[in-house]
Protein backbone atom coordinates (compact mmCIF):
# COMPACT_ATOMS: atom_id res chain seq x y z
CA MET A 1 -90.57 88.73 63.47
CA ALA A 2 -87.71 89.98 61.31
CA SER A 3 -84.28 87.88 61.45
CA ASN A 4 -81.18 89.65 62.66
CA LYS A 5 -79.23 87.84 59.96
CA PRO A 6 -78.74 89.56 56.76
CA ALA A 7 -80.41 88.17 53.93
CA PRO A 8 -78.26 86.85 50.97
CA THR A 9 -77.92 88.86 47.97
CA ALA A 10 -79.63 88.20 44.88
CA PRO A 11 -76.53 87.05 42.88
CA PHE A 12 -75.72 84.49 45.66
CA GLU A 13 -79.23 83.05 45.68
CA THR A 14 -79.35 82.78 42.01
CA ASP A 15 -75.88 81.22 41.59
CA PHE A 16 -75.81 78.91 44.63
CA PHE A 17 -79.30 78.10 45.44
CA GLY A 18 -81.38 78.53 42.37
CA ASP A 19 -85.02 78.28 42.70
CA GLU A 20 -85.11 75.32 45.22
CA GLY A 21 -84.07 77.18 48.36
CA PRO A 22 -81.19 76.84 50.64
CA GLU A 23 -82.00 73.58 52.15
CA ARG A 24 -82.24 71.60 48.85
CA ALA A 25 -79.20 73.36 47.58
CA TRP A 26 -77.14 72.40 50.72
CA GLU A 27 -77.99 68.73 50.20
CA GLU A 28 -76.65 68.61 46.61
CA TRP A 29 -73.88 71.21 46.78
CA ASN A 30 -70.43 69.75 45.92
CA PRO A 31 -68.06 72.39 46.15
CA THR A 32 -64.79 72.21 44.07
CA GLU A 33 -62.26 74.92 43.29
CA ASP A 34 -63.69 75.35 39.82
CA SER A 35 -67.22 75.63 40.88
CA VAL A 36 -66.93 78.05 43.71
CA ARG A 37 -66.83 81.63 42.33
CA PRO A 38 -64.40 84.13 44.00
CA VAL A 39 -66.34 86.48 46.23
CA ARG A 40 -65.55 89.66 48.17
CA GLY A 41 -65.36 89.51 51.83
CA ARG A 42 -63.54 87.50 54.49
CA HIS A 43 -62.38 84.00 53.29
CA ARG A 44 -61.97 80.97 55.44
CA VAL A 45 -59.28 78.55 54.24
CA MET A 46 -58.97 75.06 55.65
CA LYS A 47 -55.79 74.18 57.31
CA GLN A 48 -53.37 71.62 55.68
CA ARG A 49 -52.65 68.72 57.80
CA GLY A 50 -49.73 66.31 57.25
CA GLY A 51 -49.19 67.55 53.71
CA LEU A 52 -52.85 67.01 52.77
CA ALA A 53 -55.71 69.47 52.29
CA ARG A 54 -58.81 68.94 54.29
CA SER A 55 -61.70 68.38 51.78
CA SER A 56 -65.03 66.77 51.45
CA THR A 57 -65.43 63.12 50.70
CA VAL A 58 -66.10 63.69 47.07
CA LEU A 59 -62.80 65.50 46.92
CA GLY A 60 -61.07 62.61 48.50
CA VAL A 61 -62.62 60.09 46.09
CA GLY A 62 -61.49 62.43 43.18
CA VAL A 63 -57.90 62.16 44.41
CA ILE A 64 -58.15 58.48 44.68
CA ALA A 65 -59.46 58.27 41.09
CA ALA A 66 -56.63 60.49 39.85
CA VAL A 67 -54.19 58.08 41.68
CA GLY A 68 -55.63 55.05 40.21
CA ALA A 69 -55.55 56.56 36.60
CA GLY A 70 -52.00 57.57 36.97
CA GLY A 71 -51.02 54.03 37.96
CA MET A 72 -47.79 55.08 39.91
CA ALA A 73 -48.93 58.15 41.89
CA THR A 74 -50.02 58.30 45.67
CA ALA A 75 -52.45 60.53 47.37
CA GLN A 76 -49.73 62.24 49.18
CA SER A 77 -48.15 63.42 45.97
CA LYS A 78 -51.24 65.47 44.90
CA PRO A 79 -51.10 69.24 45.71
CA PRO A 80 -53.60 70.40 48.38
CA VAL A 81 -56.65 72.25 47.18
CA SER A 82 -57.80 75.25 49.18
CA ILE A 83 -61.52 75.95 49.28
CA SER A 84 -62.78 79.44 50.46
CA LEU A 85 -66.44 80.09 51.30
CA PRO A 86 -68.34 83.50 51.50
CA ASP A 87 -69.21 84.86 54.87
CA SER A 88 -72.79 85.04 53.78
CA ILE A 89 -73.10 81.37 53.97
CA ALA A 90 -72.10 81.01 57.52
CA ASP A 91 -74.17 84.02 58.68
CA ASN A 92 -77.37 83.02 56.80
CA LEU A 93 -77.14 79.10 57.28
CA PRO A 94 -76.16 78.51 60.81
CA ASP A 95 -77.05 74.72 60.52
CA ALA A 96 -74.60 74.24 57.69
CA LYS A 97 -71.77 73.46 60.15
CA SER A 98 -73.58 70.37 61.14
CA LEU A 99 -73.65 68.94 57.43
CA PRO A 100 -71.10 66.13 56.96
CA GLY A 101 -67.78 67.06 55.57
CA VAL A 102 -68.73 70.75 55.62
CA GLY A 103 -68.63 71.69 59.25
CA SER A 104 -64.87 71.97 59.21
CA PHE A 105 -64.94 74.67 56.40
CA MET A 106 -67.35 76.65 58.40
CA SER A 107 -65.63 76.93 61.80
CA ASP A 108 -64.05 80.09 62.92
CA ASP A 109 -61.72 78.39 65.11
CA SER A 110 -59.02 76.44 63.24
CA SER A 111 -57.91 74.34 66.18
CA ASP A 112 -61.59 73.27 66.86
CA ALA A 113 -62.05 72.46 63.25
CA ASP A 114 -58.97 70.48 63.16
CA ALA A 115 -59.97 68.52 66.30
CA GLY A 116 -63.51 67.98 65.25
CA ASN A 117 -62.88 66.80 61.88
CA THR A 118 -59.80 64.64 62.36
CA ALA A 119 -61.59 61.58 62.36
CA PRO A 120 -63.76 61.87 59.09
CA LEU A 121 -60.64 63.26 57.29
CA THR A 122 -58.48 60.38 58.52
CA SER A 123 -61.02 57.74 57.40
CA ALA A 124 -61.14 59.34 53.96
CA THR A 125 -57.44 59.53 53.76
CA LEU A 126 -57.10 55.90 54.83
CA ALA A 127 -59.76 54.76 52.55
CA ALA A 128 -57.90 56.62 49.56
CA ASP A 129 -54.59 55.16 50.74
CA SER A 130 -56.09 51.65 51.18
CA GLY A 131 -57.82 51.76 47.71
CA THR A 132 -54.52 53.08 46.01
CA GLY A 133 -52.29 50.51 47.75
CA SER A 134 -54.54 47.69 46.78
CA ARG A 135 -54.65 48.90 43.10
CA LEU A 136 -50.74 49.28 43.28
CA GLU A 137 -50.60 45.89 44.90
CA ALA A 138 -52.63 44.39 42.14
CA GLN A 139 -50.71 46.17 39.53
CA GLY A 140 -47.41 44.99 41.12
CA SER A 141 -48.72 41.39 41.09
CA ALA A 142 -49.89 41.66 37.62
CA GLY A 143 -46.38 42.98 36.65
CA ASP A 144 -44.74 40.22 38.53
CA ALA A 145 -46.95 37.70 36.79
CA LEU A 146 -46.14 39.12 33.34
CA ARG A 147 -42.43 39.23 34.19
CA ALA A 148 -42.58 35.74 35.32
CA ARG A 149 -44.32 34.62 32.22
CA ILE A 150 -41.85 36.41 29.92
CA LEU A 151 -38.90 34.88 31.78
CA GLN A 152 -40.64 31.42 31.63
CA GLN A 153 -41.17 31.91 27.94
CA ALA A 154 -37.59 32.97 27.38
CA ASP A 155 -36.44 29.80 29.41
CA GLN A 156 -38.55 27.66 27.22
CA GLN A 157 -37.31 29.18 24.11
CA ARG A 158 -33.82 28.75 25.08
CA SER A 159 -34.52 25.14 26.17
CA GLU A 160 -36.18 24.49 22.82
CA ALA A 161 -33.14 26.12 21.03
CA ASP A 162 -30.84 23.92 23.15
CA ALA A 163 -32.83 20.91 22.35
CA GLU A 164 -32.90 21.69 18.51
CA ALA A 165 -29.29 22.26 18.61
CA LYS A 166 -28.40 19.03 20.39
CA ALA A 167 -30.89 17.07 18.11
CA ALA A 168 -29.18 18.54 15.04
CA ALA A 169 -25.78 17.74 16.59
CA GLU A 170 -26.88 14.23 17.29
CA LYS A 171 -28.37 13.88 13.68
CA ALA A 172 -25.05 15.12 12.16
CA ALA A 173 -23.11 12.69 14.33
CA ALA A 174 -25.37 9.85 13.47
CA GLU A 175 -25.12 10.80 9.70
CA LYS A 176 -21.40 10.94 10.13
CA ALA A 177 -21.12 7.56 11.76
CA ALA A 178 -23.53 6.07 9.22
CA ALA A 179 -21.34 7.48 6.28
CA GLU A 180 -18.18 6.15 8.06
CA ALA A 181 -19.75 2.83 8.64
CA LYS A 182 -21.01 2.60 5.04
CA ALA A 183 -17.56 3.65 3.79
CA GLN A 184 -15.95 0.93 6.04
CA GLN A 185 -18.55 -1.56 4.81
CA THR A 186 -17.87 -0.57 1.15
CA ALA A 187 -14.12 -0.80 1.69
CA ALA A 188 -14.55 -4.24 3.29
CA GLU A 189 -16.75 -5.45 0.61
CA ALA A 190 -14.29 -4.09 -2.10
CA LYS A 191 -11.51 -5.87 -0.12
CA ALA A 192 -13.48 -9.10 0.16
CA GLU A 193 -14.47 -9.00 -3.61
CA ALA A 194 -10.75 -8.33 -4.52
CA GLU A 195 -9.66 -11.14 -2.29
CA LYS A 196 -12.39 -13.34 -3.83
CA LEU A 197 -11.31 -12.43 -7.35
CA ALA A 198 -7.61 -13.17 -6.41
CA ALA A 199 -8.61 -16.31 -5.04
CA GLU A 200 -10.79 -17.29 -7.92
CA LYS A 201 -7.97 -16.37 -10.23
CA ALA A 202 -5.28 -18.28 -8.26
CA ALA A 203 -7.70 -21.22 -8.17
CA ALA A 204 -8.16 -20.95 -11.92
CA GLU A 205 -4.40 -20.71 -12.54
CA LYS A 206 -3.80 -23.63 -10.29
CA ALA A 207 -6.44 -25.69 -12.17
CA GLU A 208 -5.16 -24.75 -15.53
CA ALA A 209 -1.70 -25.66 -14.25
CA GLU A 210 -2.91 -28.98 -13.20
CA ARG A 211 -4.75 -29.47 -16.41
CA LEU A 212 -1.62 -28.69 -18.42
CA ALA A 213 0.39 -30.77 -16.16
CA LYS A 214 -1.87 -33.66 -17.03
CA LEU A 215 -1.84 -32.77 -20.78
CA ALA A 216 1.96 -32.48 -20.56
CA ALA A 217 1.94 -35.93 -19.14
CA SER A 218 -0.11 -37.10 -22.19
CA TYR A 219 1.49 -34.76 -24.76
CA ALA A 220 5.13 -34.52 -25.83
CA LEU A 221 7.27 -32.22 -27.88
CA PRO A 222 7.90 -33.75 -31.38
CA THR A 223 11.66 -33.72 -30.99
CA SER A 224 14.69 -32.64 -28.77
CA SER A 225 17.99 -30.82 -29.48
CA TYR A 226 16.38 -28.32 -31.85
CA THR A 227 16.41 -24.71 -32.87
CA LEU A 228 13.16 -22.91 -33.94
CA THR A 229 13.94 -21.27 -37.25
CA SER A 230 10.52 -20.19 -38.83
CA THR A 231 7.13 -19.64 -37.21
CA PHE A 232 3.61 -19.89 -38.50
CA GLY A 233 2.39 -16.95 -40.76
CA GLU A 234 5.76 -15.66 -41.96
CA ALA A 235 5.72 -14.21 -45.46
CA GLY A 236 8.25 -15.27 -48.08
CA SER A 237 8.89 -16.29 -51.68
CA MET A 238 10.39 -19.66 -50.85
CA TRP A 239 6.83 -20.99 -49.73
CA SER A 240 4.36 -21.72 -52.45
CA SER A 241 1.45 -20.28 -50.48
CA GLY A 242 3.45 -17.00 -49.84
CA TYR A 243 3.68 -17.58 -46.16
CA HIS A 244 5.04 -20.11 -43.77
CA THR A 245 2.18 -22.79 -42.84
CA GLY A 246 3.88 -24.55 -39.79
CA LEU A 247 6.64 -24.34 -37.36
CA ASP A 248 10.37 -25.34 -38.16
CA PHE A 249 12.48 -27.37 -35.76
CA ALA A 250 16.09 -27.39 -37.21
CA ALA A 251 18.09 -30.46 -35.94
CA PRO A 252 20.73 -32.72 -37.31
CA THR A 253 19.66 -35.40 -39.73
CA GLY A 254 18.47 -38.73 -38.14
CA THR A 255 17.21 -37.01 -34.90
CA PRO A 256 14.16 -39.02 -33.73
CA LEU A 257 10.69 -37.62 -34.07
CA LYS A 258 7.96 -38.61 -31.44
CA ALA A 259 4.20 -38.71 -31.50
CA VAL A 260 3.00 -35.66 -29.69
CA HIS A 261 -0.13 -37.76 -28.47
CA SER A 262 -1.90 -40.96 -28.83
CA GLY A 263 -3.50 -41.56 -32.21
CA THR A 264 -3.64 -43.35 -35.39
CA VAL A 265 -1.42 -42.97 -38.26
CA LYS A 266 -3.47 -41.66 -41.15
CA SER A 267 -0.67 -41.73 -43.90
CA ALA A 268 2.97 -42.22 -44.15
CA ALA A 269 4.40 -41.43 -47.79
CA TRP A 270 6.22 -39.08 -50.13
CA SER A 271 4.25 -35.76 -50.51
CA GLY A 272 5.89 -33.54 -53.13
CA SER A 273 7.57 -30.32 -51.77
CA TYR A 274 6.81 -31.87 -48.09
CA GLY A 275 9.23 -34.76 -48.90
CA TYR A 276 8.40 -37.79 -46.56
CA ARG A 277 5.37 -36.88 -44.62
CA THR A 278 3.55 -38.82 -41.77
CA VAL A 279 0.05 -37.72 -40.84
CA LEU A 280 -0.93 -38.55 -37.21
CA GLU A 281 -4.75 -38.32 -36.48
CA LEU A 282 -5.61 -37.72 -32.83
CA ASP A 283 -8.66 -39.02 -31.20
CA ASP A 284 -10.41 -35.51 -31.29
CA GLY A 285 -9.78 -35.38 -35.00
CA THR A 286 -6.85 -33.03 -34.96
CA GLU A 287 -4.14 -33.95 -37.56
CA VAL A 288 -0.38 -33.41 -36.76
CA TRP A 289 1.90 -33.36 -39.96
CA TYR A 290 5.53 -34.49 -39.73
CA CYS A 291 7.36 -33.25 -42.96
CA HIS A 292 10.92 -33.51 -44.66
CA GLN A 293 11.56 -36.74 -42.88
CA SER A 294 14.65 -38.73 -43.81
CA SER A 295 12.92 -42.04 -42.92
CA MET A 296 9.62 -43.13 -41.54
CA SER A 297 9.11 -45.81 -38.76
CA VAL A 298 5.37 -46.31 -38.98
CA SER A 299 2.68 -47.16 -41.65
CA ALA A 300 -0.87 -45.96 -42.26
CA GLY A 301 -3.41 -47.37 -39.86
CA GLN A 302 -0.95 -48.07 -37.11
CA ARG A 303 -1.81 -46.99 -33.50
CA VAL A 304 0.82 -45.14 -31.67
CA THR A 305 1.19 -43.66 -28.03
CA THR A 306 2.62 -40.43 -26.72
CA GLY A 307 6.46 -40.23 -27.20
CA GLU A 308 6.64 -43.09 -29.48
CA THR A 309 9.24 -42.86 -32.38
CA ILE A 310 7.60 -42.42 -35.92
CA GLY A 311 10.46 -41.20 -37.98
CA ARG A 312 13.67 -39.08 -38.17
CA VAL A 313 14.78 -35.65 -39.05
CA GLY A 314 15.77 -35.07 -42.82
CA ALA A 315 15.98 -32.60 -45.68
CA THR A 316 13.54 -34.11 -48.36
CA GLY A 317 11.28 -31.99 -50.35
CA ASN A 318 11.56 -28.30 -50.89
CA VAL A 319 14.10 -27.32 -48.01
CA THR A 320 17.43 -25.40 -47.42
CA GLY A 321 18.67 -27.75 -44.64
CA PRO A 322 17.61 -30.55 -42.33
CA HIS A 323 14.76 -29.86 -40.04
CA LEU A 324 11.19 -30.90 -39.00
CA HIS A 325 8.32 -28.94 -40.58
CA LEU A 326 5.47 -29.33 -38.15
CA GLU A 327 1.78 -28.46 -39.16
CA VAL A 328 -1.48 -28.84 -37.12
CA HIS A 329 -4.95 -28.94 -38.74
CA THR A 330 -8.25 -29.05 -37.02
CA ALA A 331 -10.94 -31.68 -37.75
CA ASP A 332 -12.22 -29.67 -40.78
CA GLY A 333 -8.81 -29.31 -42.27
CA THR A 334 -8.01 -25.64 -41.19
CA GLY A 335 -4.47 -25.05 -40.50
CA ILE A 336 -3.54 -23.40 -37.04
CA ASP A 337 -0.46 -22.10 -35.39
CA PRO A 338 1.52 -25.17 -34.07
CA MET A 339 3.18 -22.88 -31.44
CA ALA A 340 -0.25 -21.93 -29.84
CA TRP A 341 -1.70 -25.45 -30.10
CA LEU A 342 1.41 -26.91 -28.31
CA GLN A 343 1.18 -24.41 -25.55
CA SER A 344 -2.52 -25.11 -25.14
CA LYS A 345 -1.37 -28.72 -24.30
CA GLY A 346 0.96 -27.58 -21.59
CA LEU A 347 4.12 -27.73 -23.84
CA THR A 348 6.71 -25.07 -24.40
CA PRO A 349 8.52 -25.34 -27.63
């Protein structure tokens, strides 16, 4: 029995069904705008609803994938895609309307198609929106976490920098305090050392003064009421040696001469150019010579004490006037400066 429906044309069978027949082809057909070839005849275009084009489940998933890849887009921002089908599909395959996701494309009544397919389209849309929202939520959470981590690292770096600056300041302050303390300690030590040296010097001077006071008590100047006229070491032709070998005390003839210290009279006699000379030997071997005396009061071997009169001022020997020529010799016979020797005993001629 022949069918009243017209058979599909050969090109349609070859392009859309191939060799497997219409039933197998309908199971695998996934129409897109690129895969559907434009045909002549009446076109059915799906209605847009709420700004979204009604599409199959595969197209909805594709929109979701595009939204996920963009990272910031939503399903509502994609433009609607219109799908048109040739009349021959609806005429030759009446059961195609019952296929999931396809019936709405095949309906002649736009209102019925809208009403009948509202639930499947809404489910797909909600699923797309839910998936996109979840991804956006996840991306937002990741962004917040990254931002929080960056802020935390920045805070940590600032804290570390502040800590380093504080440590450097504390170190500098400690070094400055240590330097000041060291300077103060050095100054204090220098002051203490100076005070110590001053005290030691004062103590030494005091001790020397005490020693000289003792010596002065045990030593005496050889005469009084005198004038120093010639000192030790002066050069001149009037002295046989070419220089003066003693210290001259000019005084009137007959002025008493005293023993400068306790000792023993080594000799008391005439001695050429020295005139009358008395040699007094001290206990340490030092010899004190009294020359040009007018008279002598002691004799050799006699023991005398400090300040005891041993003779008188005169002008005997090689002289130009009355005076005492005083010489000092060490134990080995070397002549020394009488002025320095007397000063070492605490005496000031």
